[in-house]
């Protein structure tokens, strides 16, 4: 379902992706028959908008309520158990094996919408190399953030802005990848609909 903010962007994406890292480029979205626009094309400039300073403020005083620790049966009802997590991993592995088999044996132009939709979210698992590179990048991200946090703790100086910048820098690859995947899926689904 498209929201007002996504409809005003001049595109058909379900999510309004930030465009600040695509400096100087123009992304052209062709209108489709299902969308009524007065122009044949809508050009979306991908130049950065002025940076928005994000601030989080914490109160000097916090109200706390004591809650008794839940019983084992209450915990089992509220949270996933180890068995649940094991089952989820088995289901994921089964789905990945099935999709690898389908995708590797079917020419790209013959993949159905249902197959493509089934791949959403498990793309990194469809290639061992991509899965390994993703694990390495995630590890570098965690190490970068934890190293900076440790450095700040040792120096007894807290710099939330610096920690935020490091986290943003070391996770930029994930945001870029998500943006590219979303655009790629959008283009594929649009082509299939035509």
N, C-alpha and C. Protein backbone atom coordinates (compact mmCIF):
# COMPACT_ATOMS: atom_id res chain seq x y z
N UNK A 1 0.84 -1.18 0.00
CA UNK A 1 0.00 0.00 0.00
C UNK A 1 0.88 1.23 0.00
N UNK A 2 0.64 2.13 -0.93
CA UNK A 2 1.45 3.32 -1.00
C UNK A 2 0.90 4.38 -0.07
N UNK A 3 1.80 5.06 0.61
CA UNK A 3 1.39 6.13 1.50
C UNK A 3 1.50 7.45 0.76
N UNK A 4 0.98 8.49 1.38
CA UNK A 4 1.02 9.82 0.77
C UNK A 4 2.46 10.24 0.49
N UNK A 5 3.38 9.94 1.43
CA UNK A 5 4.76 10.37 1.24
C UNK A 5 5.42 9.65 0.07
N UNK A 6 5.09 8.39 -0.17
CA UNK A 6 5.70 7.69 -1.30
C UNK A 6 5.05 8.09 -2.60
N UNK A 7 3.77 8.44 -2.59
CA UNK A 7 3.11 8.84 -3.83
C UNK A 7 3.63 10.19 -4.29
N UNK A 8 4.01 11.06 -3.36
CA UNK A 8 4.49 12.37 -3.72
C UNK A 8 5.92 12.35 -4.24
N UNK A 9 6.62 11.25 -4.09
CA UNK A 9 8.00 11.17 -4.53
C UNK A 9 8.11 10.98 -6.03
N UNK A 10 7.03 10.68 -6.71
CA UNK A 10 7.09 10.48 -8.14
C UNK A 10 7.61 9.11 -8.52
N UNK A 11 7.57 8.18 -7.60
CA UNK A 11 8.01 6.83 -7.95
C UNK A 11 7.00 5.82 -7.43
N UNK A 12 7.24 4.59 -7.75
CA UNK A 12 6.32 3.52 -7.44
C UNK A 12 6.83 2.63 -6.30
N UNK A 13 7.92 3.05 -5.65
CA UNK A 13 8.47 2.24 -4.58
C UNK A 13 7.57 2.30 -3.36
N UNK A 14 7.54 1.21 -2.62
CA UNK A 14 6.74 1.18 -1.41
C UNK A 14 7.41 1.94 -0.28
N UNK A 15 8.72 2.11 -0.36
CA UNK A 15 9.49 2.78 0.67
C UNK A 15 10.19 3.97 0.04
N UNK A 16 10.18 5.10 0.71
CA UNK A 16 10.87 6.27 0.23
C UNK A 16 12.31 6.19 0.71
N UNK A 17 13.22 5.69 -0.14
CA UNK A 17 14.60 5.50 0.26
C UNK A 17 15.34 6.82 0.26
N UNK A 18 16.26 7.00 1.23
CA UNK A 18 17.06 8.21 1.24
C UNK A 18 17.97 8.24 0.03
N UNK A 19 18.20 9.45 -0.48
CA UNK A 19 18.97 9.57 -1.71
C UNK A 19 20.23 10.37 -1.51
N UNK A 20 20.64 10.64 -0.29
CA UNK A 20 21.74 11.55 -0.05
C UNK A 20 23.07 11.04 -0.55
N UNK A 21 23.27 9.75 -0.76
CA UNK A 21 24.56 9.24 -1.19
C UNK A 21 24.68 9.15 -2.70
N UNK A 22 23.69 9.52 -3.44
CA UNK A 22 23.72 9.42 -4.89
C UNK A 22 23.93 10.82 -5.48
N UNK A 23 25.01 11.46 -5.11
CA UNK A 23 25.22 12.85 -5.47
C UNK A 23 25.34 13.04 -6.97
N UNK A 24 24.62 14.04 -7.48
CA UNK A 24 24.76 14.46 -8.85
C UNK A 24 24.12 13.55 -9.89
N UNK A 25 23.53 12.45 -9.50
CA UNK A 25 22.93 11.54 -10.46
C UNK A 25 21.44 11.82 -10.57
N UNK A 26 20.86 11.39 -11.66
CA UNK A 26 19.42 11.46 -11.83
C UNK A 26 18.91 10.05 -12.03
N UNK A 27 17.92 9.68 -11.27
CA UNK A 27 17.30 8.36 -11.40
C UNK A 27 15.99 8.57 -12.12
N UNK A 28 15.82 7.97 -13.28
CA UNK A 28 14.63 8.18 -14.08
C UNK A 28 13.65 7.04 -13.86
N UNK A 29 12.44 7.40 -13.54
CA UNK A 29 11.38 6.41 -13.34
C UNK A 29 10.36 6.63 -14.44
N UNK A 30 10.17 5.64 -15.28
CA UNK A 30 9.18 5.77 -16.33
C UNK A 30 7.81 5.47 -15.75
N UNK A 31 6.83 6.25 -16.16
CA UNK A 31 5.49 5.99 -15.65
C UNK A 31 4.92 4.74 -16.31
N UNK A 32 4.12 4.03 -15.55
CA UNK A 32 3.49 2.82 -16.06
C UNK A 32 2.02 3.08 -16.29
N UNK A 33 1.34 2.26 -17.08
CA UNK A 33 -0.06 2.50 -17.36
C UNK A 33 -0.94 2.55 -16.11
N UNK A 34 -0.54 1.85 -15.06
CA UNK A 34 -1.38 1.82 -13.87
C UNK A 34 -1.29 3.11 -13.06
N UNK A 35 -0.30 3.96 -13.38
CA UNK A 35 -0.12 5.20 -12.64
C UNK A 35 -0.47 6.34 -13.57
N UNK A 36 -1.37 7.20 -13.14
CA UNK A 36 -1.74 8.31 -14.00
C UNK A 36 -0.91 9.52 -13.60
N UNK A 37 -0.04 9.95 -14.50
CA UNK A 37 0.75 11.15 -14.28
C UNK A 37 0.62 12.02 -15.51
N UNK A 38 0.91 13.29 -15.33
CA UNK A 38 0.80 14.20 -16.46
C UNK A 38 2.07 14.22 -17.29
N UNK A 39 3.14 13.60 -16.81
CA UNK A 39 4.39 13.59 -17.55
C UNK A 39 4.72 12.16 -17.97
N UNK A 40 5.49 12.02 -19.03
CA UNK A 40 5.93 10.71 -19.48
C UNK A 40 6.97 10.14 -18.53
N UNK A 41 7.84 11.01 -18.01
CA UNK A 41 8.87 10.57 -17.09
C UNK A 41 8.89 11.50 -15.89
N UNK A 42 9.34 10.96 -14.78
CA UNK A 42 9.53 11.77 -13.59
C UNK A 42 10.99 11.67 -13.22
N UNK A 43 11.68 12.79 -13.18
CA UNK A 43 13.09 12.79 -12.79
C UNK A 43 13.20 13.11 -11.32
N UNK A 44 13.90 12.24 -10.61
CA UNK A 44 14.11 12.43 -9.19
C UNK A 44 15.57 12.76 -8.99
N UNK A 45 15.91 14.00 -8.61
CA UNK A 45 17.31 14.31 -8.39
C UNK A 45 17.81 13.55 -7.18
N UNK A 46 18.98 12.99 -7.32
CA UNK A 46 19.54 12.22 -6.23
C UNK A 46 20.67 12.98 -5.56
N UNK A 47 20.62 14.29 -5.60
CA UNK A 47 21.62 15.09 -4.92
C UNK A 47 21.21 15.22 -3.45
N UNK A 48 22.19 15.43 -2.59
CA UNK A 48 21.87 15.44 -1.17
C UNK A 48 21.05 16.66 -0.77
N UNK A 49 20.18 16.45 0.19
CA UNK A 49 19.47 17.57 0.78
C UNK A 49 20.33 18.03 1.95
N UNK A 50 20.06 19.22 2.48
CA UNK A 50 20.88 19.68 3.61
C UNK A 50 20.83 18.66 4.74
N UNK A 51 21.97 18.41 5.38
CA UNK A 51 21.99 17.40 6.44
C UNK A 51 21.08 17.81 7.60
N UNK A 52 20.39 16.84 8.13
CA UNK A 52 19.51 17.07 9.27
C UNK A 52 20.24 16.60 10.51
N UNK A 53 20.39 17.46 11.46
CA UNK A 53 21.06 17.12 12.70
C UNK A 53 20.09 16.32 13.57
N UNK A 54 20.45 15.08 13.83
CA UNK A 54 19.60 14.22 14.65
C UNK A 54 20.06 14.33 16.09
N UNK A 55 19.11 14.50 16.98
CA UNK A 55 19.46 14.62 18.39
C UNK A 55 18.57 13.72 19.22
N UNK A 56 19.20 13.11 20.18
CA UNK A 56 18.48 12.32 21.16
C UNK A 56 18.79 12.93 22.51
N UNK A 57 17.78 13.16 23.31
CA UNK A 57 17.99 13.74 24.63
C UNK A 57 17.52 12.75 25.68
N UNK A 58 18.27 12.68 26.74
CA UNK A 58 17.92 11.80 27.85
C UNK A 58 17.63 12.66 29.07
N UNK A 59 16.62 12.27 29.80
CA UNK A 59 16.24 12.98 31.00
C UNK A 59 17.24 12.71 32.11
N UNK A 60 17.41 13.68 32.99
CA UNK A 60 18.30 13.48 34.14
C UNK A 60 17.67 12.51 35.14
N UNK A 61 16.35 12.43 35.13
CA UNK A 61 15.63 11.58 36.07
C UNK A 61 14.85 10.53 35.29
N UNK A 62 14.85 9.31 35.78
CA UNK A 62 14.10 8.25 35.13
C UNK A 62 13.20 7.57 36.16
N UNK A 63 11.97 7.33 35.79
CA UNK A 63 11.06 6.59 36.66
C UNK A 63 11.21 5.11 36.34
N UNK A 64 11.34 4.31 37.35
CA UNK A 64 11.48 2.87 37.15
C UNK A 64 10.41 2.15 37.94
N UNK A 65 9.91 1.10 37.37
CA UNK A 65 8.93 0.26 38.03
C UNK A 65 9.53 -1.12 38.19
N UNK A 66 9.46 -1.63 39.41
CA UNK A 66 9.99 -2.97 39.66
C UNK A 66 8.97 -4.00 39.18
N UNK A 67 9.45 -4.95 38.38
CA UNK A 67 8.61 -6.02 37.87
C UNK A 67 9.27 -7.33 38.27
N UNK A 68 8.48 -8.22 38.85
CA UNK A 68 9.03 -9.52 39.22
C UNK A 68 9.45 -10.28 37.98
N UNK A 69 10.54 -11.03 38.12
CA UNK A 69 11.04 -11.83 37.00
C UNK A 69 9.99 -12.88 36.67
N UNK A 70 9.66 -13.06 35.39
CA UNK A 70 8.62 -14.02 35.03
C UNK A 70 9.07 -15.46 35.28
N UNK A 71 8.09 -16.31 35.48
CA UNK A 71 8.38 -17.73 35.70
C UNK A 71 8.82 -18.38 34.38
N UNK A 72 9.33 -19.60 34.47
CA UNK A 72 9.78 -20.32 33.27
C UNK A 72 8.65 -20.50 32.27
N UNK A 73 7.46 -20.83 32.77
CA UNK A 73 6.33 -21.03 31.85
C UNK A 73 5.94 -19.72 31.18
N UNK A 74 6.00 -18.60 31.92
CA UNK A 74 5.69 -17.30 31.32
C UNK A 74 6.74 -16.93 30.26
N UNK A 75 8.00 -17.23 30.55
CA UNK A 75 9.05 -16.95 29.56
C UNK A 75 8.84 -17.75 28.29
N UNK A 76 8.48 -19.02 28.43
CA UNK A 76 8.24 -19.85 27.25
C UNK A 76 7.09 -19.31 26.42
N UNK A 77 6.09 -18.75 27.08
CA UNK A 77 4.95 -18.21 26.35
C UNK A 77 5.30 -16.90 25.66
N UNK A 78 6.21 -16.12 26.23
CA UNK A 78 6.53 -14.79 25.70
C UNK A 78 7.64 -14.79 24.67
N UNK A 79 8.60 -15.67 24.79
CA UNK A 79 9.79 -15.62 23.96
C UNK A 79 9.94 -16.91 23.18
N UNK A 80 10.74 -16.81 22.10
CA UNK A 80 11.04 -18.01 21.33
C UNK A 80 11.96 -18.91 22.15
N UNK A 81 11.67 -20.17 22.14
CA UNK A 81 12.50 -21.14 22.84
C UNK A 81 13.67 -21.53 21.94
N UNK A 82 14.63 -22.26 22.51
CA UNK A 82 15.75 -22.76 21.72
C UNK A 82 15.23 -23.67 20.61
N UNK A 83 14.20 -24.46 20.92
CA UNK A 83 13.61 -25.33 19.89
C UNK A 83 12.99 -24.52 18.75
N UNK A 84 12.31 -23.42 19.11
CA UNK A 84 11.72 -22.55 18.09
C UNK A 84 12.82 -22.00 17.18
N UNK A 85 13.91 -21.52 17.78
CA UNK A 85 15.00 -20.94 16.99
C UNK A 85 15.64 -21.99 16.09
N UNK A 86 15.80 -23.21 16.60
CA UNK A 86 16.35 -24.30 15.79
C UNK A 86 15.43 -24.60 14.62
N UNK A 87 14.13 -24.61 14.89
CA UNK A 87 13.15 -24.87 13.83
C UNK A 87 13.18 -23.77 12.77
N UNK A 88 13.30 -22.50 13.20
CA UNK A 88 13.39 -21.39 12.25
C UNK A 88 14.61 -21.54 11.35
N UNK A 89 15.74 -21.95 11.94
CA UNK A 89 16.96 -22.13 11.15
C UNK A 89 16.80 -23.25 10.14
N UNK A 90 16.15 -24.34 10.54
CA UNK A 90 15.91 -25.45 9.60
C UNK A 90 15.01 -25.01 8.46
N UNK A 91 13.98 -24.25 8.78
CA UNK A 91 13.06 -23.75 7.74
C UNK A 91 13.81 -22.82 6.78
N UNK A 92 14.63 -21.94 7.33
CA UNK A 92 15.41 -21.03 6.49
C UNK A 92 16.34 -21.82 5.58
N UNK A 93 17.05 -22.79 6.13
CA UNK A 93 17.98 -23.61 5.32
C UNK A 93 17.22 -24.34 4.22
N UNK A 94 16.05 -24.89 4.55
CA UNK A 94 15.24 -25.59 3.54
C UNK A 94 14.80 -24.63 2.44
N UNK A 95 14.33 -23.43 2.82
CA UNK A 95 13.89 -22.45 1.84
C UNK A 95 15.04 -21.99 0.95
N UNK A 96 16.21 -21.80 1.54
CA UNK A 96 17.37 -21.38 0.76
C UNK A 96 17.76 -22.47 -0.23
N UNK A 97 17.82 -23.73 0.21
CA UNK A 97 18.15 -24.83 -0.71
C UNK A 97 17.15 -24.90 -1.86
N UNK A 98 15.88 -24.76 -1.54
CA UNK A 98 14.84 -24.81 -2.57
C UNK A 98 14.99 -23.68 -3.57
N UNK A 99 15.25 -22.46 -3.07
CA UNK A 99 15.37 -21.31 -3.96
C UNK A 99 16.65 -21.40 -4.80
N UNK A 100 17.74 -21.91 -4.22
CA UNK A 100 18.98 -22.08 -4.99
C UNK A 100 18.71 -23.04 -6.15
N UNK A 101 18.01 -24.11 -5.86
CA UNK A 101 17.71 -25.09 -6.90
C UNK A 101 16.86 -24.48 -8.02
N UNK A 102 15.84 -23.74 -7.64
CA UNK A 102 14.96 -23.12 -8.63
C UNK A 102 15.69 -22.06 -9.44
N UNK A 103 16.39 -21.15 -8.74
CA UNK A 103 17.04 -20.03 -9.42
C UNK A 103 18.17 -20.52 -10.32
N UNK A 104 18.92 -21.53 -9.88
CA UNK A 104 20.05 -22.01 -10.69
C UNK A 104 19.60 -22.82 -11.90
N UNK A 105 18.39 -23.37 -11.86
CA UNK A 105 17.93 -24.19 -12.98
C UNK A 105 16.94 -23.48 -13.90
N UNK A 106 16.64 -22.22 -13.61
CA UNK A 106 15.66 -21.47 -14.40
C UNK A 106 16.31 -20.22 -14.97
N UNK A 107 16.18 -19.98 -16.27
CA UNK A 107 16.71 -18.72 -16.83
C UNK A 107 16.04 -17.52 -16.16
N UNK A 108 16.82 -16.47 -15.97
CA UNK A 108 16.32 -15.28 -15.27
C UNK A 108 15.02 -14.74 -15.79
N UNK A 109 14.87 -14.69 -17.11
CA UNK A 109 13.65 -14.12 -17.69
C UNK A 109 12.44 -15.01 -17.48
N UNK A 110 12.67 -16.27 -17.07
CA UNK A 110 11.56 -17.20 -16.86
C UNK A 110 11.14 -17.31 -15.40
N UNK A 111 11.82 -16.59 -14.50
CA UNK A 111 11.46 -16.65 -13.09
C UNK A 111 10.12 -15.95 -12.87
N UNK A 112 9.26 -16.59 -12.14
CA UNK A 112 7.93 -16.02 -11.88
C UNK A 112 8.00 -14.99 -10.75
N UNK A 113 6.96 -14.20 -10.66
CA UNK A 113 6.86 -13.23 -9.58
C UNK A 113 6.91 -13.93 -8.23
N UNK A 114 6.25 -15.08 -8.12
CA UNK A 114 6.23 -15.81 -6.86
C UNK A 114 7.63 -16.24 -6.44
N UNK A 115 8.44 -16.69 -7.40
CA UNK A 115 9.82 -17.10 -7.09
C UNK A 115 10.62 -15.90 -6.62
N UNK A 116 10.50 -14.78 -7.33
CA UNK A 116 11.23 -13.58 -6.93
C UNK A 116 10.80 -13.11 -5.55
N UNK A 117 9.51 -13.15 -5.27
CA UNK A 117 9.02 -12.75 -3.96
C UNK A 117 9.56 -13.67 -2.87
N UNK A 118 9.72 -14.94 -3.18
CA UNK A 118 10.24 -15.90 -2.20
C UNK A 118 11.72 -15.64 -1.91
N UNK A 119 12.41 -14.95 -2.81
CA UNK A 119 13.82 -14.64 -2.61
C UNK A 119 14.04 -13.41 -1.73
N UNK A 120 13.01 -12.58 -1.58
CA UNK A 120 13.16 -11.35 -0.81
C UNK A 120 13.54 -11.70 0.63
N UNK A 121 14.66 -11.14 1.07
CA UNK A 121 15.13 -11.35 2.43
C UNK A 121 16.15 -12.46 2.58
N UNK A 122 16.25 -13.35 1.59
CA UNK A 122 17.23 -14.43 1.71
C UNK A 122 18.29 -14.34 0.62
N UNK A 123 18.41 -13.18 -0.03
CA UNK A 123 19.33 -13.02 -1.15
C UNK A 123 20.76 -13.39 -0.79
N UNK A 124 21.21 -12.96 0.40
CA UNK A 124 22.61 -13.21 0.75
C UNK A 124 22.91 -14.69 0.92
N UNK A 125 21.90 -15.49 1.18
CA UNK A 125 22.13 -16.92 1.39
C UNK A 125 22.15 -17.70 0.08
N UNK A 126 21.77 -17.07 -1.02
CA UNK A 126 21.72 -17.77 -2.30
C UNK A 126 23.11 -17.95 -2.90
N UNK A 127 24.11 -17.30 -2.34
CA UNK A 127 25.49 -17.43 -2.80
C UNK A 127 26.40 -17.57 -1.58
N UNK A 128 27.19 -18.62 -1.54
CA UNK A 128 28.11 -18.82 -0.41
C UNK A 128 29.09 -17.66 -0.29
N UNK A 129 29.59 -17.19 -1.44
CA UNK A 129 30.55 -16.09 -1.44
C UNK A 129 29.92 -14.82 -0.86
N UNK A 130 28.70 -14.50 -1.30
CA UNK A 130 28.01 -13.32 -0.80
C UNK A 130 27.70 -13.45 0.69
N UNK A 131 27.30 -14.64 1.12
CA UNK A 131 27.02 -14.86 2.55
C UNK A 131 28.29 -14.66 3.37
N UNK A 132 29.42 -15.16 2.89
CA UNK A 132 30.68 -15.01 3.61
C UNK A 132 31.09 -13.54 3.68
N UNK A 133 31.00 -12.82 2.55
CA UNK A 133 31.36 -11.39 2.55
C UNK A 133 30.44 -10.60 3.48
N UNK A 134 29.16 -10.95 3.53
CA UNK A 134 28.22 -10.26 4.41
C UNK A 134 28.58 -10.50 5.87
N UNK A 135 28.92 -11.76 6.21
CA UNK A 135 29.34 -12.05 7.59
C UNK A 135 30.58 -11.24 7.96
N UNK A 136 31.53 -11.15 7.04
CA UNK A 136 32.75 -10.38 7.32
C UNK A 136 32.45 -8.90 7.51
N UNK A 137 31.58 -8.34 6.68
CA UNK A 137 31.23 -6.93 6.82
C UNK A 137 30.49 -6.67 8.12
N UNK A 138 29.60 -7.56 8.50
CA UNK A 138 28.89 -7.40 9.77
C UNK A 138 29.87 -7.46 10.94
N UNK A 139 30.83 -8.38 10.86
CA UNK A 139 31.83 -8.50 11.92
C UNK A 139 32.66 -7.22 12.01
N UNK A 140 33.09 -6.67 10.85
CA UNK A 140 33.86 -5.42 10.85
C UNK A 140 33.04 -4.27 11.45
N UNK A 141 31.75 -4.26 11.14
CA UNK A 141 30.87 -3.23 11.70
C UNK A 141 30.83 -3.33 13.23
N UNK A 142 30.59 -4.54 13.73
CA UNK A 142 30.53 -4.72 15.19
C UNK A 142 31.87 -4.37 15.85
N UNK A 143 32.96 -4.81 15.25
CA UNK A 143 34.28 -4.53 15.81
C UNK A 143 34.55 -3.03 15.83
N UNK A 144 34.19 -2.33 14.74
CA UNK A 144 34.40 -0.89 14.69
C UNK A 144 33.64 -0.15 15.78
N UNK A 145 32.38 -0.50 15.95
CA UNK A 145 31.56 0.16 16.97
C UNK A 145 32.05 -0.19 18.37
N UNK A 146 32.35 -1.47 18.61
CA UNK A 146 32.82 -1.88 19.94
C UNK A 146 34.19 -1.28 20.25
N UNK A 147 35.08 -1.21 19.27
CA UNK A 147 36.39 -0.59 19.50
C UNK A 147 36.26 0.87 19.90
N UNK A 148 35.40 1.60 19.17
CA UNK A 148 35.19 3.01 19.50
C UNK A 148 34.55 3.17 20.87
N UNK A 149 33.59 2.31 21.17
CA UNK A 149 32.95 2.36 22.49
C UNK A 149 33.97 2.09 23.59
N UNK A 150 34.85 1.11 23.38
CA UNK A 150 35.90 0.81 24.35
C UNK A 150 36.88 1.96 24.49
N UNK A 151 37.25 2.57 23.36
CA UNK A 151 38.17 3.72 23.41
C UNK A 151 37.57 4.85 24.22
N UNK A 152 36.28 5.11 24.02
CA UNK A 152 35.61 6.19 24.76
C UNK A 152 35.53 5.85 26.25
N UNK A 153 35.26 4.59 26.56
CA UNK A 153 35.17 4.18 27.96
C UNK A 153 36.54 4.34 28.64
N UNK A 154 37.62 3.94 27.96
CA UNK A 154 38.97 4.05 28.54
C UNK A 154 39.37 5.51 28.72
N UNK A 155 38.99 6.37 27.79
CA UNK A 155 39.35 7.79 27.89
C UNK A 155 38.37 8.56 28.77
N UNK A 156 37.33 7.87 29.23
CA UNK A 156 36.29 8.47 30.07
C UNK A 156 35.67 9.69 29.42
N UNK A 157 35.56 9.63 28.10
CA UNK A 157 34.92 10.70 27.34
C UNK A 157 33.89 10.06 26.42
N UNK A 158 32.67 10.46 26.60
CA UNK A 158 31.59 9.93 25.76
C UNK A 158 31.33 10.88 24.60
N UNK A 159 31.38 10.34 23.40
CA UNK A 159 31.11 11.13 22.20
C UNK A 159 30.12 10.36 21.34
N UNK A 160 28.83 10.57 21.63
CA UNK A 160 27.78 9.85 20.92
C UNK A 160 27.78 10.16 19.43
N UNK A 161 28.09 11.39 19.07
CA UNK A 161 28.12 11.78 17.66
C UNK A 161 29.19 10.98 16.90
N UNK A 162 30.37 10.84 17.49
CA UNK A 162 31.45 10.09 16.84
C UNK A 162 31.06 8.62 16.71
N UNK A 163 30.49 8.06 17.77
CA UNK A 163 30.06 6.67 17.73
C UNK A 163 28.99 6.47 16.65
N UNK A 164 28.09 7.42 16.54
CA UNK A 164 27.04 7.36 15.52
C UNK A 164 27.65 7.42 14.12
N UNK A 165 28.63 8.33 13.92
CA UNK A 165 29.27 8.44 12.60
C UNK A 165 30.01 7.16 12.23
N UNK A 166 30.70 6.56 13.18
CA UNK A 166 31.42 5.31 12.91
C UNK A 166 30.44 4.21 12.56
N UNK A 167 29.36 4.12 13.33
CA UNK A 167 28.36 3.10 13.05
C UNK A 167 27.75 3.31 11.66
N UNK A 168 27.45 4.55 11.33
CA UNK A 168 26.88 4.85 10.02
C UNK A 168 27.85 4.49 8.90
N UNK A 169 29.13 4.83 9.10
CA UNK A 169 30.14 4.56 8.08
C UNK A 169 30.34 3.05 7.88
N UNK A 170 30.42 2.31 8.98
CA UNK A 170 30.70 0.88 8.85
C UNK A 170 29.49 0.07 8.44
N UNK A 171 28.30 0.67 8.45
CA UNK A 171 27.10 -0.05 8.01
C UNK A 171 26.53 0.51 6.71
N UNK A 172 27.23 1.45 6.09
CA UNK A 172 26.75 2.06 4.85
C UNK A 172 26.52 1.00 3.77
N UNK A 173 27.37 -0.01 3.71
CA UNK A 173 27.24 -1.06 2.70
C UNK A 173 25.87 -1.74 2.79
N UNK A 174 25.35 -1.91 4.01
CA UNK A 174 24.05 -2.58 4.18
C UNK A 174 22.92 -1.70 3.65
N UNK A 175 22.99 -0.41 3.92
CA UNK A 175 21.96 0.50 3.41
C UNK A 175 22.01 0.59 1.89
N UNK A 176 23.24 0.68 1.35
CA UNK A 176 23.37 0.74 -0.11
C UNK A 176 22.84 -0.54 -0.75
N UNK A 177 23.17 -1.69 -0.15
CA UNK A 177 22.72 -2.97 -0.68
C UNK A 177 21.20 -3.07 -0.64
N UNK A 178 20.59 -2.64 0.46
CA UNK A 178 19.13 -2.67 0.58
C UNK A 178 18.49 -1.76 -0.47
N UNK A 179 19.08 -0.60 -0.70
CA UNK A 179 18.55 0.32 -1.70
C UNK A 179 18.62 -0.32 -3.09
N UNK A 180 19.78 -0.89 -3.42
CA UNK A 180 19.95 -1.51 -4.73
C UNK A 180 19.02 -2.69 -4.93
N UNK A 181 18.84 -3.50 -3.88
CA UNK A 181 17.91 -4.63 -3.97
C UNK A 181 16.48 -4.15 -4.20
N UNK A 182 16.08 -3.13 -3.45
CA UNK A 182 14.71 -2.62 -3.59
C UNK A 182 14.47 -2.09 -5.00
N UNK A 183 15.43 -1.33 -5.53
CA UNK A 183 15.28 -0.80 -6.88
C UNK A 183 15.26 -1.94 -7.89
N UNK A 184 16.16 -2.91 -7.69
CA UNK A 184 16.21 -4.06 -8.60
C UNK A 184 14.91 -4.83 -8.62
N UNK A 185 14.37 -5.13 -7.43
CA UNK A 185 13.09 -5.84 -7.37
C UNK A 185 11.98 -5.01 -7.99
N UNK A 186 11.99 -3.72 -7.71
CA UNK A 186 10.95 -2.85 -8.26
C UNK A 186 10.98 -2.90 -9.78
N UNK A 187 12.19 -2.79 -10.35
CA UNK A 187 12.30 -2.82 -11.81
C UNK A 187 11.87 -4.17 -12.37
N UNK A 188 12.27 -5.27 -11.72
CA UNK A 188 11.86 -6.60 -12.18
C UNK A 188 10.35 -6.76 -12.14
N UNK A 189 9.75 -6.41 -11.02
CA UNK A 189 8.30 -6.56 -10.90
C UNK A 189 7.56 -5.65 -11.87
N UNK A 190 8.10 -4.47 -12.10
CA UNK A 190 7.48 -3.54 -13.05
C UNK A 190 7.53 -4.14 -14.46
N UNK A 191 8.69 -4.68 -14.85
CA UNK A 191 8.83 -5.29 -16.16
C UNK A 191 7.90 -6.48 -16.31
N UNK A 192 7.77 -7.28 -15.26
CA UNK A 192 6.91 -8.46 -15.33
C UNK A 192 5.44 -8.07 -15.44
N UNK A 193 5.09 -6.91 -14.87
CA UNK A 193 3.70 -6.47 -14.91
C UNK A 193 3.31 -5.93 -16.28
N UNK A 194 4.31 -5.51 -17.06
CA UNK A 194 4.00 -4.91 -18.37
C UNK A 194 3.64 -5.96 -19.39
